[in-house]
Amino acid sequence: MDTHRQPGPTDARILDAAYEAIKEFGIAGATTKRIAKLAGCSEALIYKHFESKEQLILAVMVRRTPALGPALRTLSDNLGRGDLTERLAEFARAAVAFYASATPVGVGVMTEPSLLGGFRAMLAATGSGPHVPVRVLAGYLDAERRLGRLPESADPEALASMLMGACYHRAHLELFADLPVDRDDFADGVARMIVTR
């Protein structure tokens, strides 16, 4: 089943219910029985739309979290134009929002070995996974370096990993504490660091 396709009304209701169940009960507690109750449908209907619980959870990750694709496309569409620091700060805000939203699902997957293997296989089959945005961002940074907007000595892969890692870390910190630096100031700071390294 294609987890990237546009959901119909029933799919959307099930996905919303699954996301809410995962946020409230974790992946182990987000049983299909609970999801069905929240969605106002039968468990059988869930399995009519999704072949397995793992596939449903992957669909939640793909279709119910803010996507990084649009933010990466915005970078690519503006290659060589505008203030690079501002562009990267905008991307950093989108990345933090993505990680903050995806964390309840992602952490649950990482803590359940029975799910993790299945997810690795599904991600490989769909050509997706957490490494893809880093690779795309590195390609963008390399193009900006070739245009002279980053130093010739810049390592695009290392810079992309640093930016994405900082955003991932920031999203996790926000789960545990009210931080003294707001998300916008964080994004501005990390973007400046990338451009001036």
N, C-alpha and C. Protein backbone atom coordinates (compact mmCIF):
# COMPACT_ATOMS: atom_id res chain seq x y z
N MET A 1 0.85 -1.20 0.00
CA MET A 1 0.00 0.00 0.00
C MET A 1 0.88 1.24 0.00
N ASP A 2 0.49 2.22 -0.76
CA ASP A 2 1.27 3.45 -0.89
C ASP A 2 0.97 4.39 0.26
N THR A 3 1.94 4.58 1.15
CA THR A 3 1.73 5.47 2.30
C THR A 3 1.81 6.93 1.92
N HIS A 4 2.22 7.23 0.68
CA HIS A 4 2.35 8.62 0.25
C HIS A 4 1.11 9.13 -0.48
N ARG A 5 0.16 8.24 -0.80
CA ARG A 5 -1.01 8.69 -1.55
C ARG A 5 -1.87 9.62 -0.71
N GLN A 6 -2.72 10.39 -1.37
CA GLN A 6 -3.61 11.30 -0.65
C GLN A 6 -4.70 10.50 0.06
N PRO A 7 -4.91 10.76 1.34
CA PRO A 7 -5.91 9.99 2.07
C PRO A 7 -7.33 10.42 1.70
N GLY A 8 -8.24 9.43 1.66
CA GLY A 8 -9.66 9.73 1.50
C GLY A 8 -10.25 10.09 2.85
N PRO A 9 -11.57 10.35 2.91
CA PRO A 9 -12.18 10.75 4.19
C PRO A 9 -12.00 9.73 5.30
N THR A 10 -12.15 8.43 4.97
CA THR A 10 -11.99 7.41 6.01
C THR A 10 -10.53 7.29 6.42
N ASP A 11 -9.63 7.27 5.43
CA ASP A 11 -8.20 7.23 5.73
C ASP A 11 -7.82 8.39 6.66
N ALA A 12 -8.29 9.58 6.33
CA ALA A 12 -7.94 10.76 7.11
C ALA A 12 -8.43 10.62 8.54
N ARG A 13 -9.63 10.12 8.72
CA ARG A 13 -10.18 9.94 10.07
C ARG A 13 -9.35 8.93 10.86
N ILE A 14 -8.97 7.85 10.20
CA ILE A 14 -8.15 6.82 10.87
C ILE A 14 -6.77 7.38 11.20
N LEU A 15 -6.16 8.10 10.26
CA LEU A 15 -4.84 8.68 10.51
C LEU A 15 -4.88 9.68 11.66
N ASP A 16 -5.90 10.53 11.69
CA ASP A 16 -6.03 11.49 12.79
C ASP A 16 -6.17 10.76 14.12
N ALA A 17 -7.01 9.73 14.13
CA ALA A 17 -7.22 8.96 15.36
C ALA A 17 -5.94 8.26 15.80
N ALA A 18 -5.20 7.69 14.85
CA ALA A 18 -3.96 7.01 15.18
C ALA A 18 -2.93 7.99 15.75
N TYR A 19 -2.83 9.17 15.14
CA TYR A 19 -1.89 10.17 15.64
C TYR A 19 -2.24 10.59 17.06
N GLU A 20 -3.53 10.82 17.32
CA GLU A 20 -3.96 11.20 18.67
C GLU A 20 -3.71 10.08 19.66
N ALA A 21 -3.97 8.84 19.26
CA ALA A 21 -3.75 7.69 20.15
C ALA A 21 -2.26 7.54 20.48
N ILE A 22 -1.40 7.74 19.48
CA ILE A 22 0.04 7.63 19.72
C ILE A 22 0.51 8.72 20.67
N LYS A 23 0.02 9.95 20.46
CA LYS A 23 0.42 11.05 21.36
C LYS A 23 -0.05 10.79 22.79
N GLU A 24 -1.23 10.22 22.94
CA GLU A 24 -1.78 10.02 24.29
C GLU A 24 -1.28 8.75 24.96
N PHE A 25 -1.12 7.66 24.19
CA PHE A 25 -0.83 6.37 24.81
C PHE A 25 0.51 5.76 24.39
N GLY A 26 1.24 6.41 23.47
CA GLY A 26 2.45 5.82 22.94
C GLY A 26 2.10 4.78 21.89
N ILE A 27 3.12 4.28 21.19
CA ILE A 27 2.84 3.33 20.11
C ILE A 27 2.28 2.03 20.65
N ALA A 28 2.85 1.52 21.73
CA ALA A 28 2.35 0.26 22.28
C ALA A 28 0.90 0.39 22.74
N GLY A 29 0.55 1.54 23.31
CA GLY A 29 -0.81 1.74 23.79
C GLY A 29 -1.79 2.18 22.73
N ALA A 30 -1.29 2.53 21.56
CA ALA A 30 -2.17 2.94 20.46
C ALA A 30 -2.63 1.69 19.72
N THR A 31 -3.44 0.92 20.39
CA THR A 31 -3.94 -0.33 19.80
C THR A 31 -4.94 -0.01 18.70
N THR A 32 -5.12 -0.96 17.81
CA THR A 32 -6.11 -0.75 16.76
C THR A 32 -7.51 -0.61 17.35
N LYS A 33 -7.74 -1.24 18.48
CA LYS A 33 -9.04 -1.09 19.16
C LYS A 33 -9.25 0.36 19.60
N ARG A 34 -8.23 0.96 20.20
CA ARG A 34 -8.32 2.36 20.62
C ARG A 34 -8.45 3.28 19.41
N ILE A 35 -7.66 3.01 18.38
CA ILE A 35 -7.70 3.85 17.18
C ILE A 35 -9.09 3.78 16.55
N ALA A 36 -9.64 2.58 16.47
CA ALA A 36 -10.98 2.41 15.90
C ALA A 36 -12.01 3.18 16.70
N LYS A 37 -11.90 3.12 18.00
CA LYS A 37 -12.87 3.85 18.85
C LYS A 37 -12.75 5.36 18.60
N LEU A 38 -11.52 5.87 18.57
CA LEU A 38 -11.33 7.31 18.32
C LEU A 38 -11.79 7.72 16.92
N ALA A 39 -11.64 6.82 15.96
CA ALA A 39 -12.03 7.12 14.58
C ALA A 39 -13.51 6.89 14.33
N GLY A 40 -14.18 6.22 15.28
CA GLY A 40 -15.59 5.92 15.09
C GLY A 40 -15.81 4.88 14.01
N CYS A 41 -14.93 3.87 14.00
CA CYS A 41 -15.07 2.81 13.00
C CYS A 41 -14.69 1.47 13.63
N SER A 42 -14.77 0.42 12.85
CA SER A 42 -14.39 -0.91 13.34
C SER A 42 -12.90 -1.15 13.09
N GLU A 43 -12.34 -2.10 13.84
CA GLU A 43 -10.96 -2.49 13.59
C GLU A 43 -10.82 -3.07 12.19
N ALA A 44 -11.85 -3.79 11.74
CA ALA A 44 -11.80 -4.38 10.39
C ALA A 44 -11.66 -3.30 9.32
N LEU A 45 -12.30 -2.15 9.54
CA LEU A 45 -12.19 -1.06 8.57
C LEU A 45 -10.77 -0.51 8.52
N ILE A 46 -10.11 -0.47 9.67
CA ILE A 46 -8.71 -0.02 9.69
C ILE A 46 -7.88 -0.92 8.77
N TYR A 47 -8.07 -2.24 8.92
CA TYR A 47 -7.29 -3.19 8.12
C TYR A 47 -7.73 -3.24 6.66
N LYS A 48 -8.88 -2.69 6.35
CA LYS A 48 -9.28 -2.55 4.95
C LYS A 48 -8.46 -1.45 4.27
N HIS A 49 -8.08 -0.43 5.07
CA HIS A 49 -7.33 0.71 4.54
C HIS A 49 -5.82 0.59 4.73
N PHE A 50 -5.40 -0.16 5.73
CA PHE A 50 -3.98 -0.32 6.04
C PHE A 50 -3.71 -1.79 6.30
N GLU A 51 -2.71 -2.34 5.64
CA GLU A 51 -2.44 -3.78 5.73
C GLU A 51 -1.98 -4.23 7.12
N SER A 52 -1.36 -3.32 7.88
CA SER A 52 -0.84 -3.68 9.20
C SER A 52 -0.79 -2.43 10.07
N LYS A 53 -0.62 -2.66 11.36
CA LYS A 53 -0.45 -1.52 12.27
C LYS A 53 0.82 -0.75 11.92
N GLU A 54 1.86 -1.48 11.55
CA GLU A 54 3.12 -0.83 11.17
C GLU A 54 2.90 0.11 9.99
N GLN A 55 2.14 -0.34 9.00
CA GLN A 55 1.88 0.49 7.84
C GLN A 55 1.05 1.72 8.20
N LEU A 56 0.10 1.54 9.12
CA LEU A 56 -0.69 2.67 9.61
C LEU A 56 0.22 3.69 10.30
N ILE A 57 1.13 3.22 11.13
CA ILE A 57 2.02 4.13 11.86
C ILE A 57 2.96 4.84 10.89
N LEU A 58 3.47 4.13 9.89
CA LEU A 58 4.31 4.79 8.89
C LEU A 58 3.50 5.86 8.15
N ALA A 59 2.26 5.55 7.83
CA ALA A 59 1.41 6.54 7.15
C ALA A 59 1.20 7.76 8.03
N VAL A 60 1.06 7.55 9.34
CA VAL A 60 0.94 8.69 10.27
C VAL A 60 2.21 9.54 10.19
N MET A 61 3.36 8.88 10.20
CA MET A 61 4.63 9.62 10.14
C MET A 61 4.74 10.41 8.84
N VAL A 62 4.33 9.80 7.74
CA VAL A 62 4.49 10.42 6.43
C VAL A 62 3.44 11.51 6.20
N ARG A 63 2.20 11.26 6.63
CA ARG A 63 1.10 12.14 6.23
C ARG A 63 0.53 13.00 7.35
N ARG A 64 0.97 12.81 8.58
CA ARG A 64 0.42 13.62 9.67
C ARG A 64 1.47 14.44 10.41
N THR A 65 2.65 14.51 9.88
CA THR A 65 3.67 15.39 10.46
C THR A 65 4.03 16.42 9.41
N PRO A 66 4.44 17.62 9.84
CA PRO A 66 4.81 18.62 8.84
C PRO A 66 5.95 18.08 7.98
N ALA A 67 5.81 18.18 6.70
CA ALA A 67 6.82 17.64 5.79
C ALA A 67 7.99 18.60 5.63
N LEU A 68 9.16 18.03 5.48
CA LEU A 68 10.34 18.84 5.19
C LEU A 68 10.49 19.09 3.69
N GLY A 69 9.79 18.30 2.88
CA GLY A 69 9.88 18.46 1.43
C GLY A 69 9.62 19.88 0.95
N PRO A 70 8.50 20.51 1.38
CA PRO A 70 8.26 21.88 0.92
C PRO A 70 9.36 22.86 1.33
N ALA A 71 9.89 22.70 2.54
CA ALA A 71 10.97 23.60 2.98
C ALA A 71 12.23 23.38 2.16
N LEU A 72 12.52 22.13 1.82
CA LEU A 72 13.68 21.84 0.97
C LEU A 72 13.47 22.36 -0.44
N ARG A 73 12.23 22.24 -0.96
CA ARG A 73 11.95 22.78 -2.30
C ARG A 73 12.10 24.29 -2.32
N THR A 74 11.68 24.96 -1.24
CA THR A 74 11.84 26.42 -1.17
C THR A 74 13.31 26.79 -1.27
N LEU A 75 14.16 26.05 -0.56
CA LEU A 75 15.60 26.30 -0.68
C LEU A 75 16.05 26.15 -2.12
N SER A 76 15.72 25.02 -2.72
CA SER A 76 16.16 24.75 -4.10
C SER A 76 15.62 25.78 -5.08
N ASP A 77 14.37 26.18 -4.89
CA ASP A 77 13.75 27.16 -5.81
C ASP A 77 14.43 28.52 -5.71
N ASN A 78 15.09 28.77 -4.59
CA ASN A 78 15.73 30.07 -4.39
C ASN A 78 17.25 29.97 -4.37
N LEU A 79 17.77 28.92 -4.99
CA LEU A 79 19.21 28.72 -5.04
C LEU A 79 19.90 29.96 -5.61
N GLY A 80 20.87 30.45 -4.84
CA GLY A 80 21.65 31.60 -5.28
C GLY A 80 20.96 32.93 -5.12
N ARG A 81 19.76 32.94 -4.58
CA ARG A 81 19.00 34.20 -4.43
C ARG A 81 18.71 34.46 -2.96
N GLY A 82 18.60 35.74 -2.66
CA GLY A 82 18.23 36.15 -1.31
C GLY A 82 19.34 35.95 -0.31
N ASP A 83 19.04 36.27 0.93
CA ASP A 83 20.02 36.14 2.00
C ASP A 83 20.08 34.68 2.44
N LEU A 84 21.24 34.07 2.32
CA LEU A 84 21.40 32.65 2.63
C LEU A 84 21.09 32.36 4.10
N THR A 85 21.50 33.24 4.99
CA THR A 85 21.23 33.04 6.41
C THR A 85 19.72 33.02 6.67
N GLU A 86 19.00 33.94 6.06
CA GLU A 86 17.55 33.97 6.23
C GLU A 86 16.89 32.71 5.67
N ARG A 87 17.36 32.25 4.52
CA ARG A 87 16.81 31.03 3.92
C ARG A 87 17.02 29.83 4.85
N LEU A 88 18.23 29.72 5.39
CA LEU A 88 18.53 28.58 6.26
C LEU A 88 17.78 28.69 7.59
N ALA A 89 17.57 29.91 8.09
CA ALA A 89 16.79 30.09 9.32
C ALA A 89 15.35 29.65 9.10
N GLU A 90 14.79 29.99 7.96
CA GLU A 90 13.43 29.56 7.63
C GLU A 90 13.35 28.04 7.57
N PHE A 91 14.35 27.43 6.96
CA PHE A 91 14.39 25.98 6.90
C PHE A 91 14.53 25.39 8.31
N ALA A 92 15.38 25.98 9.15
CA ALA A 92 15.58 25.47 10.51
C ALA A 92 14.28 25.50 11.30
N ARG A 93 13.48 26.55 11.14
CA ARG A 93 12.18 26.60 11.83
C ARG A 93 11.29 25.45 11.38
N ALA A 94 11.27 25.18 10.08
CA ALA A 94 10.46 24.07 9.56
C ALA A 94 10.98 22.73 10.07
N ALA A 95 12.30 22.58 10.16
CA ALA A 95 12.87 21.33 10.64
C ALA A 95 12.55 21.09 12.10
N VAL A 96 12.63 22.12 12.93
CA VAL A 96 12.27 21.96 14.35
C VAL A 96 10.80 21.58 14.47
N ALA A 97 9.93 22.24 13.71
CA ALA A 97 8.50 21.90 13.74
C ALA A 97 8.28 20.45 13.32
N PHE A 98 8.99 20.02 12.29
CA PHE A 98 8.87 18.63 11.84
C PHE A 98 9.28 17.67 12.96
N TYR A 99 10.46 17.88 13.52
CA TYR A 99 10.93 16.96 14.55
C TYR A 99 10.05 16.99 15.80
N ALA A 100 9.54 18.16 16.17
CA ALA A 100 8.66 18.24 17.34
C ALA A 100 7.39 17.44 17.12
N SER A 101 6.87 17.48 15.92
CA SER A 101 5.65 16.76 15.61
C SER A 101 5.89 15.27 15.41
N ALA A 102 7.01 14.91 14.81
CA ALA A 102 7.30 13.51 14.50
C ALA A 102 7.82 12.73 15.70
N THR A 103 8.28 13.40 16.74
CA THR A 103 8.90 12.73 17.87
C THR A 103 7.99 11.71 18.55
N PRO A 104 6.72 12.02 18.85
CA PRO A 104 5.90 11.00 19.53
C PRO A 104 5.82 9.69 18.76
N VAL A 105 5.80 9.76 17.45
CA VAL A 105 5.73 8.55 16.64
C VAL A 105 7.13 7.93 16.52
N GLY A 106 8.11 8.74 16.18
CA GLY A 106 9.46 8.23 15.95
C GLY A 106 10.07 7.56 17.16
N VAL A 107 9.91 8.15 18.32
CA VAL A 107 10.48 7.57 19.54
C VAL A 107 9.82 6.23 19.84
N GLY A 108 8.51 6.17 19.63
CA GLY A 108 7.82 4.91 19.85
C GLY A 108 8.33 3.80 18.96
N VAL A 109 8.61 4.14 17.72
CA VAL A 109 9.13 3.15 16.78
C VAL A 109 10.52 2.69 17.22
N MET A 110 11.36 3.64 17.62
CA MET A 110 12.73 3.30 18.01
C MET A 110 12.78 2.43 19.25
N THR A 111 11.77 2.51 20.11
CA THR A 111 11.80 1.75 21.37
C THR A 111 11.13 0.39 21.26
N GLU A 112 10.57 0.07 20.09
CA GLU A 112 9.94 -1.24 19.90
C GLU A 112 10.65 -1.99 18.79
N PRO A 113 11.57 -2.90 19.17
CA PRO A 113 12.34 -3.62 18.16
C PRO A 113 11.46 -4.32 17.11
N SER A 114 10.29 -4.79 17.52
CA SER A 114 9.42 -5.50 16.57
C SER A 114 8.93 -4.56 15.47
N LEU A 115 8.78 -3.28 15.78
CA LEU A 115 8.36 -2.31 14.78
C LEU A 115 9.53 -1.78 13.97
N LEU A 116 10.68 -1.63 14.62
CA LEU A 116 11.81 -0.97 13.98
C LEU A 116 12.26 -1.68 12.71
N GLY A 117 12.37 -3.00 12.77
CA GLY A 117 12.80 -3.76 11.58
C GLY A 117 11.83 -3.57 10.42
N GLY A 118 10.55 -3.63 10.73
CA GLY A 118 9.55 -3.43 9.69
C GLY A 118 9.61 -2.04 9.10
N PHE A 119 9.83 -1.05 9.94
CA PHE A 119 9.92 0.32 9.45
C PHE A 119 11.16 0.54 8.60
N ARG A 120 12.25 -0.06 9.01
CA ARG A 120 13.47 0.07 8.20
C ARG A 120 13.22 -0.48 6.80
N ALA A 121 12.55 -1.62 6.73
CA ALA A 121 12.26 -2.23 5.42
C ALA A 121 11.31 -1.35 4.61
N MET A 122 10.27 -0.80 5.27
CA MET A 122 9.33 0.05 4.55
C MET A 122 9.98 1.34 4.07
N LEU A 123 10.82 1.92 4.91
CA LEU A 123 11.51 3.15 4.51
C LEU A 123 12.44 2.88 3.33
N ALA A 124 13.14 1.75 3.39
CA ALA A 124 14.04 1.40 2.27
C ALA A 124 13.25 1.19 0.99
N ALA A 125 12.10 0.54 1.11
CA ALA A 125 11.28 0.26 -0.09
C ALA A 125 10.72 1.54 -0.70
N THR A 126 10.46 2.55 0.13
CA THR A 126 9.89 3.80 -0.38
C THR A 126 10.95 4.86 -0.66
N GLY A 127 12.22 4.52 -0.38
CA GLY A 127 13.29 5.49 -0.61
C GLY A 127 13.23 6.67 0.34
N SER A 128 12.66 6.46 1.51
CA SER A 128 12.55 7.54 2.48
C SER A 128 13.33 7.18 3.74
N GLY A 129 13.35 8.08 4.68
CA GLY A 129 14.06 7.86 5.93
C GLY A 129 14.72 9.14 6.39
N PRO A 130 15.25 9.14 7.60
CA PRO A 130 15.81 10.36 8.18
C PRO A 130 17.07 10.85 7.49
N HIS A 131 17.72 10.00 6.70
CA HIS A 131 18.94 10.41 6.00
C HIS A 131 18.63 11.23 4.74
N VAL A 132 17.43 11.10 4.21
CA VAL A 132 17.11 11.74 2.94
C VAL A 132 17.14 13.27 3.03
N PRO A 133 16.48 13.90 4.02
CA PRO A 133 16.56 15.36 4.09
C PRO A 133 17.99 15.87 4.28
N VAL A 134 18.80 15.12 5.03
CA VAL A 134 20.20 15.53 5.21
C VAL A 134 20.92 15.51 3.87
N ARG A 135 20.70 14.46 3.09
CA ARG A 135 21.34 14.34 1.78
C ARG A 135 20.89 15.47 0.84
N VAL A 136 19.58 15.76 0.84
CA VAL A 136 19.06 16.82 -0.03
C VAL A 136 19.61 18.18 0.41
N LEU A 137 19.62 18.43 1.72
CA LEU A 137 20.17 19.70 2.23
C LEU A 137 21.64 19.82 1.89
N ALA A 138 22.39 18.73 1.99
CA ALA A 138 23.82 18.76 1.64
C ALA A 138 23.99 19.12 0.17
N GLY A 139 23.15 18.59 -0.69
CA GLY A 139 23.21 18.93 -2.12
C GLY A 139 22.95 20.40 -2.35
N TYR A 140 21.97 20.95 -1.62
CA TYR A 140 21.67 22.38 -1.73
C TYR A 140 22.87 23.21 -1.25
N LEU A 141 23.43 22.86 -0.10
CA LEU A 141 24.57 23.61 0.43
C LEU A 141 25.78 23.52 -0.51
N ASP A 142 25.97 22.36 -1.13
CA ASP A 142 27.06 22.22 -2.08
C ASP A 142 26.85 23.14 -3.28
N ALA A 143 25.61 23.23 -3.75
CA ALA A 143 25.32 24.14 -4.88
C ALA A 143 25.57 25.60 -4.48
N GLU A 144 25.19 25.97 -3.26
CA GLU A 144 25.44 27.34 -2.79
C GLU A 144 26.95 27.58 -2.65
N ARG A 145 27.70 26.55 -2.23
CA ARG A 145 29.16 26.68 -2.12
C ARG A 145 29.77 26.91 -3.51
N ARG A 146 29.28 26.16 -4.51
CA ARG A 146 29.81 26.32 -5.87
C ARG A 146 29.46 27.68 -6.45
N LEU A 147 28.39 28.31 -5.94
CA LEU A 147 28.04 29.67 -6.37
C LEU A 147 28.82 30.74 -5.60
N GLY A 148 29.64 30.30 -4.63
CA GLY A 148 30.45 31.24 -3.86
C GLY A 148 29.75 31.83 -2.66
N ARG A 149 28.60 31.29 -2.31
CA ARG A 149 27.86 31.84 -1.17
C ARG A 149 28.23 31.16 0.15
N LEU A 150 29.02 30.12 0.08
CA LEU A 150 29.63 29.48 1.24
C LEU A 150 31.12 29.34 0.92
N PRO A 151 31.97 29.31 1.93
CA PRO A 151 33.41 29.18 1.66
C PRO A 151 33.72 27.90 0.87
N GLU A 152 34.72 27.99 0.00
CA GLU A 152 35.12 26.84 -0.80
C GLU A 152 35.48 25.64 0.08
N SER A 153 36.03 25.92 1.26
CA SER A 153 36.45 24.84 2.16
C SER A 153 35.29 24.21 2.93
N ALA A 154 34.07 24.74 2.78
CA ALA A 154 32.91 24.22 3.52
C ALA A 154 32.64 22.77 3.14
N ASP A 155 32.27 21.96 4.11
CA ASP A 155 31.91 20.56 3.89
C ASP A 155 30.38 20.48 3.94
N PRO A 156 29.71 20.45 2.78
CA PRO A 156 28.25 20.48 2.75
C PRO A 156 27.58 19.36 3.56
N GLU A 157 28.14 18.15 3.52
CA GLU A 157 27.54 17.05 4.27
C GLU A 157 27.64 17.29 5.77
N ALA A 158 28.79 17.76 6.22
CA ALA A 158 28.94 18.04 7.65
C ALA A 158 28.03 19.18 8.08
N LEU A 159 27.94 20.24 7.26
CA LEU A 159 27.07 21.36 7.60
C LEU A 159 25.60 20.94 7.64
N ALA A 160 25.18 20.11 6.67
CA ALA A 160 23.80 19.64 6.66
C ALA A 160 23.51 18.80 7.90
N SER A 161 24.44 17.94 8.26
CA SER A 161 24.26 17.11 9.46
C SER A 161 24.21 17.97 10.72
N MET A 162 25.06 18.99 10.78
CA MET A 162 25.04 19.88 11.94
C MET A 162 23.72 20.63 12.04
N LEU A 163 23.22 21.14 10.93
CA LEU A 163 21.97 21.89 10.95
C LEU A 163 20.80 20.99 11.35
N MET A 164 20.70 19.83 10.71
CA MET A 164 19.60 18.92 11.03
C MET A 164 19.73 18.39 12.47
N GLY A 165 20.93 18.09 12.88
CA GLY A 165 21.13 17.61 14.25
C GLY A 165 20.76 18.65 15.28
N ALA A 166 21.11 19.90 15.02
CA ALA A 166 20.75 20.98 15.95
C ALA A 166 19.23 21.13 16.04
N CYS A 167 18.56 21.01 14.90
CA CYS A 167 17.09 21.15 14.90
C CYS A 167 16.44 19.98 15.63
N TYR A 168 16.95 18.79 15.42
CA TYR A 168 16.45 17.60 16.11
C TYR A 168 16.64 17.75 17.63
N HIS A 169 17.81 18.20 18.01
CA HIS A 169 18.12 18.39 19.43
C HIS A 169 17.20 19.45 20.04
N ARG A 170 17.00 20.55 19.33
CA ARG A 170 16.14 21.63 19.82
C ARG A 170 14.71 21.11 20.05
N ALA A 171 14.19 20.33 19.10
CA ALA A 171 12.83 19.80 19.24
C ALA A 171 12.72 18.93 20.49
N HIS A 172 13.74 18.14 20.77
CA HIS A 172 13.71 17.30 21.96
C HIS A 172 13.81 18.12 23.24
N LEU A 173 14.65 19.15 23.23
CA LEU A 173 14.74 20.00 24.41
C LEU A 173 13.40 20.66 24.73
N GLU A 174 12.67 21.06 23.68
CA GLU A 174 11.38 21.71 23.89
C GLU A 174 10.37 20.79 24.58
N LEU A 175 10.56 19.48 24.46
CA LEU A 175 9.66 18.54 25.13
C LEU A 175 9.83 18.58 26.65
N PHE A 176 11.03 18.93 27.09
CA PHE A 176 11.36 18.80 28.51
C PHE A 176 11.46 20.10 29.28
N ALA A 177 11.59 21.22 28.57
CA ALA A 177 11.81 22.47 29.29
C ALA A 177 11.33 23.67 28.48
N ASP A 178 10.99 24.73 29.19
CA ASP A 178 10.77 26.02 28.56
C ASP A 178 12.14 26.64 28.37
N LEU A 179 12.52 26.85 27.14
CA LEU A 179 13.87 27.29 26.85
C LEU A 179 13.98 28.80 26.84
N PRO A 180 15.13 29.34 27.27
CA PRO A 180 15.29 30.80 27.34
C PRO A 180 15.37 31.46 25.97
N VAL A 181 15.77 30.71 24.95
CA VAL A 181 15.87 31.25 23.59
C VAL A 181 14.70 30.70 22.79
N ASP A 182 13.89 31.59 22.19
CA ASP A 182 12.74 31.08 21.45
C ASP A 182 13.17 30.44 20.13
N ARG A 183 12.25 29.75 19.49
CA ARG A 183 12.56 28.98 18.29
C ARG A 183 13.08 29.85 17.16
N ASP A 184 12.53 31.05 17.00
CA ASP A 184 13.00 31.93 15.93
C ASP A 184 14.45 32.36 16.16
N ASP A 185 14.77 32.74 17.40
CA ASP A 185 16.15 33.13 17.69
C ASP A 185 17.11 31.96 17.54
N PHE A 186 16.65 30.77 17.94
CA PHE A 186 17.47 29.57 17.73
C PHE A 186 17.76 29.38 16.24
N ALA A 187 16.70 29.45 15.42
CA ALA A 187 16.85 29.24 13.98
C ALA A 187 17.80 30.26 13.37
N ASP A 188 17.67 31.52 13.78
CA ASP A 188 18.58 32.56 13.28
C ASP A 188 20.02 32.24 13.66
N GLY A 189 20.22 31.82 14.90
CA GLY A 189 21.58 31.54 15.39
C GLY A 189 22.22 30.36 14.70
N VAL A 190 21.47 29.27 14.53
CA VAL A 190 22.04 28.09 13.89
C VAL A 190 22.32 28.36 12.41
N ALA A 191 21.47 29.15 11.76
CA ALA A 191 21.71 29.50 10.35
C ALA A 191 22.97 30.35 10.22
N ARG A 192 23.16 31.30 11.12
CA ARG A 192 24.37 32.14 11.08
C ARG A 192 25.61 31.27 11.25
N MET A 193 25.52 30.30 12.16
CA MET A 193 26.65 29.41 12.41
C MET A 193 27.01 28.63 11.14
N ILE A 194 26.01 28.14 10.43
CA ILE A 194 26.27 27.37 9.21
C ILE A 194 26.93 28.24 8.14
N VAL A 195 26.43 29.45 7.96
CA VAL A 195 26.93 30.33 6.90
C VAL A 195 28.33 30.85 7.21
N THR A 196 28.64 31.06 8.47
CA THR A 196 29.92 31.67 8.82
C THR A 196 31.01 30.66 9.17
N ARG A 197 30.72 29.37 9.17
CA ARG A 197 31.74 28.37 9.51
C ARG A 197 32.85 28.34 8.49
